[in-house]
């Protein structure tokens, strides 16, 4: 005699929810490596094949024992340089030791160039200590600074600028920013100040091929206006949830259905590459959006 199985809606929902959580949790701890080939006639022939590993939004994450999984993936991709576009630690959790451990190891692989994101700028006390320690380890922290990289008789230039959240201290908006109470006028003030700062800074960029490191992809039009050739950004976290065929659902700074959540984008002669990042911040899970290491290979 067969037994009739009783369907339990609650049991089904519990099972379905647990399955989704398990899948998302697994995705959140499995790194994805993505490569981009970038081509430009402006690139000096000596830099054909130049490899850049791009890391962003660490948020004090760890992959493997003492980050050995992440470090191994960076090393085997043989970068000529490593660039980091902000949010190395998280202002909410107020500690940075795991990210510091990673950044200390990276200069043994290749030169490292780093710009701040909003989380460093929202923790000026931690930022000062953190930056001092990573600089001691050989990381070059760029705030409106330009680094020349030479090969033979030619050069390319790495330009770096801090996140516009850095202006919150000067404008007395730090507490409002920490409480997420910045209104539209406040944000426009910060963005306008950033536009002015970048405009002044861009006038110093040398003739030749210029790379810009900046945290926020939503400022892409401003980067293009200032005629940078290649821009690396983070901040968008890949849109947190990615649902086919819709794509990214939400990102900070862009809101719902963000335009610049990952990958390569182009305006005129400026290309921007956006990293999905490595860690999480206020929301602990990603869906269809694995943490990412980016490798960009430059070609003439």
C-alpha atoms as a PDB file:
ATOM      1  CA  UNK A   1       0.000   0.000   0.000  1.00  0.00           C
ATOM      2  CA  UNK A   2       1.541   3.305  -1.087  1.00  0.00           C
ATOM      3  CA  UNK A   3       1.655   6.243   1.222  1.00  0.00           C
ATOM      4  CA  UNK A   4       0.365   9.595   0.079  1.00  0.00           C
ATOM      5  CA  UNK A   5       3.033  12.258   0.359  1.00  0.00           C
ATOM      6  CA  UNK A   6       1.747  15.440   1.877  1.00  0.00           C
ATOM      7  CA  UNK A   7       2.992  18.622   0.222  1.00  0.00           C
ATOM      8  CA  UNK A   8       4.217  21.282   2.622  1.00  0.00           C
ATOM      9  CA  UNK A   9       4.470  24.805   1.151  1.00  0.00           C
ATOM     10  CA  UNK A  10       6.568  25.923   4.082  1.00  0.00           C
ATOM     11  CA  UNK A  11       8.907  22.962   3.740  1.00  0.00           C
ATOM     12  CA  UNK A  12       9.284  23.633   0.017  1.00  0.00           C
ATOM     13  CA  UNK A  13      10.068  27.306   0.619  1.00  0.00           C
ATOM     14  CA  UNK A  14      12.588  26.391   3.317  1.00  0.00           C
ATOM     15  CA  UNK A  15      14.284  23.920   0.970  1.00  0.00           C
ATOM     16  CA  UNK A  16      14.208  26.355  -1.955  1.00  0.00           C
ATOM     17  CA  UNK A  17      15.590  29.184   0.180  1.00  0.00           C
ATOM     18  CA  UNK A  18      18.374  26.981   1.577  1.00  0.00           C
ATOM     19  CA  UNK A  19      19.293  25.813  -1.926  1.00  0.00           C
ATOM     20  CA  UNK A  20      19.514  29.388  -3.204  1.00  0.00           C
ATOM     21  CA  UNK A  21      21.564  30.404  -0.174  1.00  0.00           C
ATOM     22  CA  UNK A  22      23.966  27.465  -0.592  1.00  0.00           C
ATOM     23  CA  UNK A  23      24.471  28.190  -4.291  1.00  0.00           C
ATOM     24  CA  UNK A  24      24.991  31.915  -3.668  1.00  0.00           C
ATOM     25  CA  UNK A  25      27.332  31.233  -0.752  1.00  0.00           C
ATOM     26  CA  UNK A  26      29.430  28.890  -2.899  1.00  0.00           C
ATOM     27  CA  UNK A  27      29.582  31.481  -5.685  1.00  0.00           C
ATOM     28  CA  UNK A  28      30.710  34.098  -3.174  1.00  0.00           C
ATOM     29  CA  UNK A  29      33.787  32.070  -2.298  1.00  0.00           C
ATOM     30  CA  UNK A  30      34.906  30.977  -5.767  1.00  0.00           C
ATOM     31  CA  UNK A  31      37.069  33.410  -7.661  1.00  0.00           C
ATOM     32  CA  UNK A  32      36.519  33.999 -11.360  1.00  0.00           C
ATOM     33  CA  UNK A  33      39.335  35.069 -13.660  1.00  0.00           C
ATOM     34  CA  UNK A  34      38.360  37.209 -16.652  1.00  0.00           C
ATOM     35  CA  UNK A  35      40.628  38.517 -19.387  1.00  0.00           C
ATOM     36  CA  UNK A  36      40.303  41.520 -21.684  1.00  0.00           C
ATOM     37  CA  UNK A  37      42.356  42.331 -24.754  1.00  0.00           C
ATOM     38  CA  UNK A  38      42.643  46.061 -25.293  1.00  0.00           C
ATOM     39  CA  UNK A  39      43.952  47.512 -28.548  1.00  0.00           C
ATOM     40  CA  UNK A  40      45.113  51.053 -29.259  1.00  0.00           C
ATOM     41  CA  UNK A  41      47.247  52.602 -31.969  1.00  0.00           C
ATOM     42  CA  UNK A  42      48.476  55.072 -29.329  1.00  0.00           C
ATOM     43  CA  UNK A  43      50.153  52.310 -27.346  1.00  0.00           C
ATOM     44  CA  UNK A  44      53.939  52.286 -27.874  1.00  0.00           C
ATOM     45  CA  UNK A  45      55.084  49.122 -29.607  1.00  0.00           C
ATOM     46  CA  UNK A  46      57.332  48.307 -26.630  1.00  0.00           C
ATOM     47  CA  UNK A  47      54.179  47.796 -24.521  1.00  0.00           C
ATOM     48  CA  UNK A  48      52.494  45.342 -26.895  1.00  0.00           C
ATOM     49  CA  UNK A  49      51.430  42.434 -24.667  1.00  0.00           C
ATOM     50  CA  UNK A  50      51.717  44.465 -21.439  1.00  0.00           C
ATOM     51  CA  UNK A  51      49.621  42.714 -18.759  1.00  0.00           C
ATOM     52  CA  UNK A  52      47.681  44.447 -15.981  1.00  0.00           C
ATOM     53  CA  UNK A  53      45.986  42.570 -13.129  1.00  0.00           C
ATOM     54  CA  UNK A  54      43.088  44.600 -11.765  1.00  0.00           C
ATOM     55  CA  UNK A  55      41.774  44.029  -8.229  1.00  0.00           C
ATOM     56  CA  UNK A  56      39.031  46.052  -6.573  1.00  0.00           C
ATOM     57  CA  UNK A  57      36.713  46.207  -3.569  1.00  0.00           C
ATOM     58  CA  UNK A  58      38.529  43.734  -1.354  1.00  0.00           C
ATOM     59  CA  UNK A  59      36.433  44.766   1.664  1.00  0.00           C
ATOM     60  CA  UNK A  60      38.844  42.771   3.811  1.00  0.00           C
ATOM     61  CA  UNK A  61      37.938  39.472   2.122  1.00  0.00           C
ATOM     62  CA  UNK A  62      40.116  36.341   2.293  1.00  0.00           C
ATOM     63  CA  UNK A  63      40.448  33.596  -0.317  1.00  0.00           C
ATOM     64  CA  UNK A  64      42.222  30.456   0.837  1.00  0.00           C
ATOM     65  CA  UNK A  65      44.564  30.139   3.774  1.00  0.00           C
ATOM     66  CA  UNK A  66      46.062  33.605   4.285  1.00  0.00           C
ATOM     67  CA  UNK A  67      44.759  34.599   0.823  1.00  0.00           C
ATOM     68  CA  UNK A  68      47.046  32.081  -0.897  1.00  0.00           C
ATOM     69  CA  UNK A  69      44.367  31.297  -3.527  1.00  0.00           C
ATOM     70  CA  UNK A  70      44.110  34.939  -4.606  1.00  0.00           C
ATOM     71  CA  UNK A  71      47.868  35.495  -4.529  1.00  0.00           C
ATOM     72  CA  UNK A  72      48.457  32.329  -6.590  1.00  0.00           C
ATOM     73  CA  UNK A  73      45.994  33.454  -9.284  1.00  0.00           C
ATOM     74  CA  UNK A  74      47.624  36.867  -9.504  1.00  0.00           C
ATOM     75  CA  UNK A  75      51.108  35.339  -9.726  1.00  0.00           C
ATOM     76  CA  UNK A  76      50.367  32.775 -12.455  1.00  0.00           C
ATOM     77  CA  UNK A  77      48.956  35.523 -14.690  1.00  0.00           C
ATOM     78  CA  UNK A  78      52.400  37.174 -14.836  1.00  0.00           C
ATOM     79  CA  UNK A  79      51.322  40.803 -14.514  1.00  0.00           C
ATOM     80  CA  UNK A  80      53.625  43.618 -15.481  1.00  0.00           C
ATOM     81  CA  UNK A  81      51.741  45.789 -12.985  1.00  0.00           C
ATOM     82  CA  UNK A  82      48.870  45.338 -10.506  1.00  0.00           C
ATOM     83  CA  UNK A  83      46.229  48.058 -10.080  1.00  0.00           C
ATOM     84  CA  UNK A  84      43.779  48.325  -7.156  1.00  0.00           C
ATOM     85  CA  UNK A  85      40.780  50.655  -7.440  1.00  0.00           C
ATOM     86  CA  UNK A  86      39.632  51.238  -3.886  1.00  0.00           C
ATOM     87  CA  UNK A  87      37.626  49.842  -0.965  1.00  0.00           C
ATOM     88  CA  UNK A  88      40.483  47.694   0.297  1.00  0.00           C
ATOM     89  CA  UNK A  89      38.766  47.602   3.681  1.00  0.00           C
ATOM     90  CA  UNK A  90      35.212  48.235   4.865  1.00  0.00           C
ATOM     91  CA  UNK A  91      34.285  51.302   6.902  1.00  0.00           C
ATOM     92  CA  UNK A  92      31.461  49.415   8.655  1.00  0.00           C
ATOM     93  CA  UNK A  93      33.616  46.620  10.046  1.00  0.00           C
ATOM     94  CA  UNK A  94      36.478  48.891  11.092  1.00  0.00           C
ATOM     95  CA  UNK A  95      39.384  46.491  10.542  1.00  0.00           C
ATOM     96  CA  UNK A  96      41.770  45.994   7.658  1.00  0.00           C
ATOM     97  CA  UNK A  97      44.287  43.321   8.606  1.00  0.00           C
ATOM     98  CA  UNK A  98      43.357  40.724   5.969  1.00  0.00           C
ATOM     99  CA  UNK A  99      43.501  43.288   3.163  1.00  0.00           C
ATOM    100  CA  UNK A 100      46.768  44.632   4.547  1.00  0.00           C
ATOM    101  CA  UNK A 101      48.209  41.106   4.415  1.00  0.00           C
ATOM    102  CA  UNK A 102      47.216  40.793   0.731  1.00  0.00           C
ATOM    103  CA  UNK A 103      48.568  44.197  -0.267  1.00  0.00           C
ATOM    104  CA  UNK A 104      51.861  43.479   1.477  1.00  0.00           C
ATOM    105  CA  UNK A 105      52.349  40.330  -0.622  1.00  0.00           C
ATOM    106  CA  UNK A 106      51.476  41.794  -4.022  1.00  0.00           C
ATOM    107  CA  UNK A 107      54.617  43.961  -4.568  1.00  0.00           C
ATOM    108  CA  UNK A 108      56.670  40.748  -4.554  1.00  0.00           C
ATOM    109  CA  UNK A 109      54.854  39.840  -7.793  1.00  0.00           C
ATOM    110  CA  UNK A 110      54.782  43.175  -9.663  1.00  0.00           C
ATOM    111  CA  UNK A 111      54.617  46.930  -9.012  1.00  0.00           C
ATOM    112  CA  UNK A 112      51.316  47.849  -7.338  1.00  0.00           C
ATOM    113  CA  UNK A 113      49.346  51.079  -7.865  1.00  0.00           C
ATOM    114  CA  UNK A 114      46.391  51.835  -5.616  1.00  0.00           C
ATOM    115  CA  UNK A 115      43.714  54.527  -5.319  1.00  0.00           C
ATOM    116  CA  UNK A 116      41.197  54.900  -2.515  1.00  0.00           C
ATOM    117  CA  UNK A 117      37.478  54.200  -2.649  1.00  0.00           C
ATOM    118  CA  UNK A 118      34.617  55.576  -0.607  1.00  0.00           C
ATOM    119  CA  UNK A 119      35.219  53.206   2.320  1.00  0.00           C
ATOM    120  CA  UNK A 120      38.769  54.396   2.930  1.00  0.00           C
ATOM    121  CA  UNK A 121      37.641  58.016   2.682  1.00  0.00           C
ATOM    122  CA  UNK A 122      34.793  57.394   5.154  1.00  0.00           C
ATOM    123  CA  UNK A 123      37.356  56.161   7.707  1.00  0.00           C
ATOM    124  CA  UNK A 124      40.052  58.861   7.640  1.00  0.00           C
ATOM    125  CA  UNK A 125      41.669  57.589  10.836  1.00  0.00           C
ATOM    126  CA  UNK A 126      42.020  54.003   9.547  1.00  0.00           C
ATOM    127  CA  UNK A 127      42.943  55.249   6.097  1.00  0.00           C
ATOM    128  CA  UNK A 128      45.971  57.124   7.440  1.00  0.00           C
ATOM    129  CA  UNK A 129      47.296  54.039   9.246  1.00  0.00           C
ATOM    130  CA  UNK A 130      46.476  51.637   6.401  1.00  0.00           C
ATOM    131  CA  UNK A 131      48.074  53.753   3.680  1.00  0.00           C
ATOM    132  CA  UNK A 132      51.199  54.283   5.746  1.00  0.00           C
ATOM    133  CA  UNK A 133      51.593  50.520   6.173  1.00  0.00           C
ATOM    134  CA  UNK A 134      50.946  49.557   2.546  1.00  0.00           C
ATOM    135  CA  UNK A 135      53.341  52.253   1.356  1.00  0.00           C
ATOM    136  CA  UNK A 136      55.976  50.776   3.645  1.00  0.00           C
ATOM    137  CA  UNK A 137      55.379  47.450   1.862  1.00  0.00           C
ATOM    138  CA  UNK A 138      56.043  49.035  -1.533  1.00  0.00           C
ATOM    139  CA  UNK A 139      52.493  49.816  -2.741  1.00  0.00           C
ATOM    140  CA  UNK A 140      52.317  53.156  -4.569  1.00  0.00           C
ATOM    141  CA  UNK A 141      49.219  55.072  -3.433  1.00  0.00           C
ATOM    142  CA  UNK A 142      48.154  57.643  -6.017  1.00  0.00           C
ATOM    143  CA  UNK A 143      46.177  60.781  -5.207  1.00  0.00           C
ATOM    144  CA  UNK A 144      46.362  63.124  -8.184  1.00  0.00           C
ATOM    145  CA  UNK A 145      49.729  61.619  -9.034  1.00  0.00           C
ATOM    146  CA  UNK A 146      51.221  60.282 -12.265  1.00  0.00           C
ATOM    147  CA  UNK A 147      53.698  57.414 -12.596  1.00  0.00           C
ATOM    148  CA  UNK A 148      55.797  56.954 -15.735  1.00  0.00           C
ATOM    149  CA  UNK A 149      56.559  53.396 -16.848  1.00  0.00           C
ATOM    150  CA  UNK A 150      59.383  53.210 -19.367  1.00  0.00           C
ATOM    151  CA  UNK A 151      60.320  50.539 -21.863  1.00  0.00           C
ATOM    152  CA  UNK A 152      63.174  51.384 -24.178  1.00  0.00           C
ATOM    153  CA  UNK A 153      62.697  54.903 -25.492  1.00  0.00           C
ATOM    154  CA  UNK A 154      58.938  55.055 -24.823  1.00  0.00           C
ATOM    155  CA  UNK A 155      56.585  55.325 -21.834  1.00  0.00           C
ATOM    156  CA  UNK A 156      53.037  54.907 -20.675  1.00  0.00           C
ATOM    157  CA  UNK A 157      51.574  56.793 -17.725  1.00  0.00           C
ATOM    158  CA  UNK A 158      49.524  55.627 -14.716  1.00  0.00           C
ATOM    159  CA  UNK A 159      47.300  58.412 -13.346  1.00  0.00           C
ATOM    160  CA  UNK A 160      45.481  57.954 -10.036  1.00  0.00           C
ATOM    161  CA  UNK A 161      42.805  59.980  -8.254  1.00  0.00           C
ATOM    162  CA  UNK A 162      41.079  59.491  -4.889  1.00  0.00           C
ATOM    163  CA  UNK A 163      37.345  58.848  -4.564  1.00  0.00           C
ATOM    164  CA  UNK A 164      35.150  61.938  -4.363  1.00  0.00           C
ATOM    165  CA  UNK A 165      34.054  60.913  -0.851  1.00  0.00           C
ATOM    166  CA  UNK A 166      37.359  62.497   0.195  1.00  0.00           C
ATOM    167  CA  UNK A 167      35.586  65.880  -0.015  1.00  0.00           C
ATOM    168  CA  UNK A 168      33.113  64.957   2.746  1.00  0.00           C
ATOM    169  CA  UNK A 169      35.630  65.935   5.435  1.00  0.00           C
ATOM    170  CA  UNK A 170      36.294  69.363   3.968  1.00  0.00           C
ATOM    171  CA  UNK A 171      32.597  70.071   3.486  1.00  0.00           C
ATOM    172  CA  UNK A 172      31.596  68.783   6.927  1.00  0.00           C
ATOM    173  CA  UNK A 173      29.578  65.947   5.387  1.00  0.00           C
ATOM    174  CA  UNK A 174      31.413  62.954   6.853  1.00  0.00           C
ATOM    175  CA  UNK A 175      28.771  62.112   9.478  1.00  0.00           C
ATOM    176  CA  UNK A 176      25.960  62.494   6.937  1.00  0.00           C
ATOM    177  CA  UNK A 177      27.814  60.209   4.538  1.00  0.00           C
ATOM    178  CA  UNK A 178      28.348  57.584   7.240  1.00  0.00           C
ATOM    179  CA  UNK A 179      24.623  57.676   8.044  1.00  0.00           C
ATOM    180  CA  UNK A 180      23.767  57.574   4.307  1.00  0.00           C
ATOM    181  CA  UNK A 181      21.932  60.866   4.685  1.00  0.00           C
ATOM    182  CA  UNK A 182      23.598  62.676   1.809  1.00  0.00           C
ATOM    183  CA  UNK A 183      20.889  64.387  -0.221  1.00  0.00           C
ATOM    184  CA  UNK A 184      21.021  65.160  -3.940  1.00  0.00           C
ATOM    185  CA  UNK A 185      22.560  68.589  -3.367  1.00  0.00           C
ATOM    186  CA  UNK A 186      25.318  67.078  -1.234  1.00  0.00           C
ATOM    187  CA  UNK A 187      26.105  64.447  -3.861  1.00  0.00           C
ATOM    188  CA  UNK A 188      26.127  67.006  -6.648  1.00  0.00           C
ATOM    189  CA  UNK A 189      28.514  69.143  -4.596  1.00  0.00           C
ATOM    190  CA  UNK A 190      30.887  66.192  -4.197  1.00  0.00           C
ATOM    191  CA  UNK A 191      30.623  65.249  -7.867  1.00  0.00           C
ATOM    192  CA  UNK A 192      31.189  68.825  -9.032  1.00  0.00           C
ATOM    193  CA  UNK A 193      34.255  69.083  -6.804  1.00  0.00           C
ATOM    194  CA  UNK A 194      35.554  65.818  -8.222  1.00  0.00           C
ATOM    195  CA  UNK A 195      34.962  67.015 -11.797  1.00  0.00           C
ATOM    196  CA  UNK A 196      36.927  70.179 -11.068  1.00  0.00           C
ATOM    197  CA  UNK A 197      39.735  68.250  -9.389  1.00  0.00           C
ATOM    198  CA  UNK A 198      40.000  65.782 -12.275  1.00  0.00           C
ATOM    199  CA  UNK A 199      39.889  68.570 -14.850  1.00  0.00           C
ATOM    200  CA  UNK A 200      42.818  70.337 -13.172  1.00  0.00           C
ATOM    201  CA  UNK A 201      44.692  67.065 -12.675  1.00  0.00           C
ATOM    202  CA  UNK A 202      44.160  65.931 -16.281  1.00  0.00           C
ATOM    203  CA  UNK A 203      45.888  69.057 -17.559  1.00  0.00           C
ATOM    204  CA  UNK A 204      49.108  67.621 -16.095  1.00  0.00           C
ATOM    205  CA  UNK A 205      48.922  64.345 -17.968  1.00  0.00           C
ATOM    206  CA  UNK A 206      51.801  63.927 -20.385  1.00  0.00           C
ATOM    207  CA  UNK A 207      51.487  63.410 -24.120  1.00  0.00           C
ATOM    208  CA  UNK A 208      51.190  59.727 -24.833  1.00  0.00           C
ATOM    209  CA  UNK A 209      49.196  56.778 -23.552  1.00  0.00           C
ATOM    210  CA  UNK A 210      47.451  57.557 -20.233  1.00  0.00           C
ATOM    211  CA  UNK A 211      45.764  55.085 -17.888  1.00  0.00           C
ATOM    212  CA  UNK A 212      43.503  56.410 -15.115  1.00  0.00           C
ATOM    213  CA  UNK A 213      42.746  54.580 -11.864  1.00  0.00           C
ATOM    214  CA  UNK A 214      39.516  55.787 -10.224  1.00  0.00           C
ATOM    215  CA  UNK A 215      36.969  54.105  -8.004  1.00  0.00           C
ATOM    216  CA  UNK A 216      33.639  55.085  -9.555  1.00  0.00           C
ATOM    217  CA  UNK A 217      32.390  53.904 -12.958  1.00  0.00           C
ATOM    218  CA  UNK A 218      29.373  56.251 -12.835  1.00  0.00           C
ATOM    219  CA  UNK A 219      31.786  59.116 -13.588  1.00  0.00           C
ATOM    220  CA  UNK A 220      32.720  57.596 -16.956  1.00  0.00           C
ATOM    221  CA  UNK A 221      31.544  60.589 -18.990  1.00  0.00           C
ATOM    222  CA  UNK A 222      33.887  62.813 -16.955  1.00  0.00           C
ATOM    223  CA  UNK A 223      36.847  60.496 -17.610  1.00  0.00           C
ATOM    224  CA  UNK A 224      36.057  60.581 -21.331  1.00  0.00           C
ATOM    225  CA  UNK A 225      35.740  64.378 -21.318  1.00  0.00           C
ATOM    226  CA  UNK A 226      39.282  64.519 -19.982  1.00  0.00           C
ATOM    227  CA  UNK A 227      40.572  62.219 -22.751  1.00  0.00           C
ATOM    228  CA  UNK A 228      42.058  59.327 -20.791  1.00  0.00           C
ATOM    229  CA  UNK A 229      42.822  56.334 -22.981  1.00  0.00           C
ATOM    230  CA  UNK A 230      42.080  53.494 -20.565  1.00  0.00           C
ATOM    231  CA  UNK A 231      40.311  53.697 -17.188  1.00  0.00           C
ATOM    232  CA  UNK A 232      40.059  51.058 -14.443  1.00  0.00           C
ATOM    233  CA  UNK A 233      37.181  51.276 -11.913  1.00  0.00           C
ATOM    234  CA  UNK A 234      35.351  49.180  -9.306  1.00  0.00           C
ATOM    235  CA  UNK A 235      32.638  50.149  -6.791  1.00  0.00           C
ATOM    236  CA  UNK A 236      29.649  48.603  -8.622  1.00  0.00           C
ATOM    237  CA  UNK A 237      30.109  45.070  -7.186  1.00  0.00           C
ATOM    238  CA  UNK A 238      28.836  43.679 -10.478  1.00  0.00           C
ATOM    239  CA  UNK A 239      25.334  44.822  -9.626  1.00  0.00           C
ATOM    240  CA  UNK A 240      25.239  42.395  -6.642  1.00  0.00           C
ATOM    241  CA  UNK A 241      22.546  40.198  -8.253  1.00  0.00           C
ATOM    242  CA  UNK A 242      22.766  39.356 -11.959  1.00  0.00           C
ATOM    243  CA  UNK A 243      19.593  37.875 -13.425  1.00  0.00           C
ATOM    244  CA  UNK A 244      19.548  36.699 -17.068  1.00  0.00           C
ATOM    245  CA  UNK A 245      18.536  38.330 -19.362  1.00  0.00           C
ATOM    246  CA  UNK A 246      18.100  41.495 -17.240  1.00  0.00           C
ATOM    247  CA  UNK A 247      21.700  41.695 -16.054  1.00  0.00           C
ATOM    248  CA  UNK A 248      22.800  43.716 -13.027  1.00  0.00           C
ATOM    249  CA  UNK A 249      20.087  44.655 -10.536  1.00  0.00           C
ATOM    250  CA  UNK A 250      21.586  47.320  -8.274  1.00  0.00           C
ATOM    251  CA  UNK A 251      24.895  49.043  -7.638  1.00  0.00           C
ATOM    252  CA  UNK A 252      25.974  51.854  -5.307  1.00  0.00           C
ATOM    253  CA  UNK A 253      26.169  55.188  -7.067  1.00  0.00           C
ATOM    254  CA  UNK A 254      23.991  54.055  -9.973  1.00  0.00           C
ATOM    255  CA  UNK A 255      20.921  52.529  -8.344  1.00  0.00           C
ATOM    256  CA  UNK A 256      18.707  49.943 -10.060  1.00  0.00           C
ATOM    257  CA  UNK A 257      19.684  48.457 -13.426  1.00  0.00           C
ATOM    258  CA  UNK A 258      23.107  50.129 -13.474  1.00  0.00           C
ATOM    259  CA  UNK A 259      24.687  50.938 -16.816  1.00  0.00           C
ATOM    260  CA  UNK A 260      28.274  50.325 -15.760  1.00  0.00           C
ATOM    261  CA  UNK A 261      28.352  47.265 -13.506  1.00  0.00           C
ATOM    262  CA  UNK A 262      31.149  45.217 -15.087  1.00  0.00           C
ATOM    263  CA  UNK A 263      33.235  44.764 -18.194  1.00  0.00           C
ATOM    264  CA  UNK A 264      34.450  47.046 -20.934  1.00  0.00           C
ATOM    265  CA  UNK A 265      32.718  50.262 -22.043  1.00  0.00           C
ATOM    266  CA  UNK A 266      33.717  52.898 -24.573  1.00  0.00           C
ATOM    267  CA  UNK A 267      32.989  56.586 -25.140  1.00  0.00           C
ATOM    268  CA  UNK A 268      34.842  58.154 -28.067  1.00  0.00           C
ATOM    269  CA  UNK A 269      38.514  57.229 -27.551  1.00  0.00           C
ATOM    270  CA  UNK A 270      38.188  56.335 -23.850  1.00  0.00           C
ATOM    271  CA  UNK A 271      37.720  52.736 -22.730  1.00  0.00           C
ATOM    272  CA  UNK A 272      36.667  51.928 -19.151  1.00  0.00           C
ATOM    273  CA  UNK A 273      37.053  48.457 -17.618  1.00  0.00           C
ATOM    274  CA  UNK A 274      34.917  47.831 -14.518  1.00  0.00           C
ATOM    275  CA  UNK A 275      35.760  45.096 -12.024  1.00  0.00           C
ATOM    276  CA  UNK A 276      32.984  43.208 -10.234  1.00  0.00           C
ATOM    277  CA  UNK A 277      35.254  43.260  -7.207  1.00  0.00           C
ATOM    278  CA  UNK A 278      36.291  40.668  -4.656  1.00  0.00           C
ATOM    279  CA  UNK A 279      34.376  41.374  -1.459  1.00  0.00           C
ATOM    280  CA  UNK A 280      30.980  42.475  -0.224  1.00  0.00           C
ATOM    281  CA  UNK A 281      29.901  45.357   1.942  1.00  0.00           C
ATOM    282  CA  UNK A 282      26.442  46.032   3.378  1.00  0.00           C
ATOM    283  CA  UNK A 283      24.858  43.060   1.554  1.00  0.00           C
ATOM    284  CA  UNK A 284      26.713  39.803   2.209  1.00  0.00           C
ATOM    285  CA  UNK A 285      25.750  37.733  -0.861  1.00  0.00           C
ATOM    286  CA  UNK A 286      26.092  37.846  -4.633  1.00  0.00           C
ATOM    287  CA  UNK A 287      23.973  35.866  -7.106  1.00  0.00           C
ATOM    288  CA  UNK A 288      25.303  34.898 -10.569  1.00  0.00           C
ATOM    289  CA  UNK A 289      28.098  37.319  -9.820  1.00  0.00           C
ATOM    290  CA  UNK A 290      31.273  35.628  -8.670  1.00  0.00           C
ATOM    291  CA  UNK A 291      34.143  37.628  -7.160  1.00  0.00           C
ATOM    292  CA  UNK A 292      36.526  38.630  -9.914  1.00  0.00           C
ATOM    293  CA  UNK A 293      40.175  39.020 -10.792  1.00  0.00           C
ATOM    294  CA  UNK A 294      40.629  40.928 -14.043  1.00  0.00           C
ATOM    295  CA  UNK A 295      43.547  40.651 -16.436  1.00  0.00           C
ATOM    296  CA  UNK A 296      43.856  43.275 -19.177  1.00  0.00           C
ATOM    297  CA  UNK A 297      46.380  42.672 -21.934  1.00  0.00           C
ATOM    298  CA  UNK A 298      47.364  45.722 -23.987  1.00  0.00           C
ATOM    299  CA  UNK A 299      48.101  45.497 -27.707  1.00  0.00           C
ATOM    300  CA  UNK A 300      49.292  47.870 -30.394  1.00  0.00           C
END
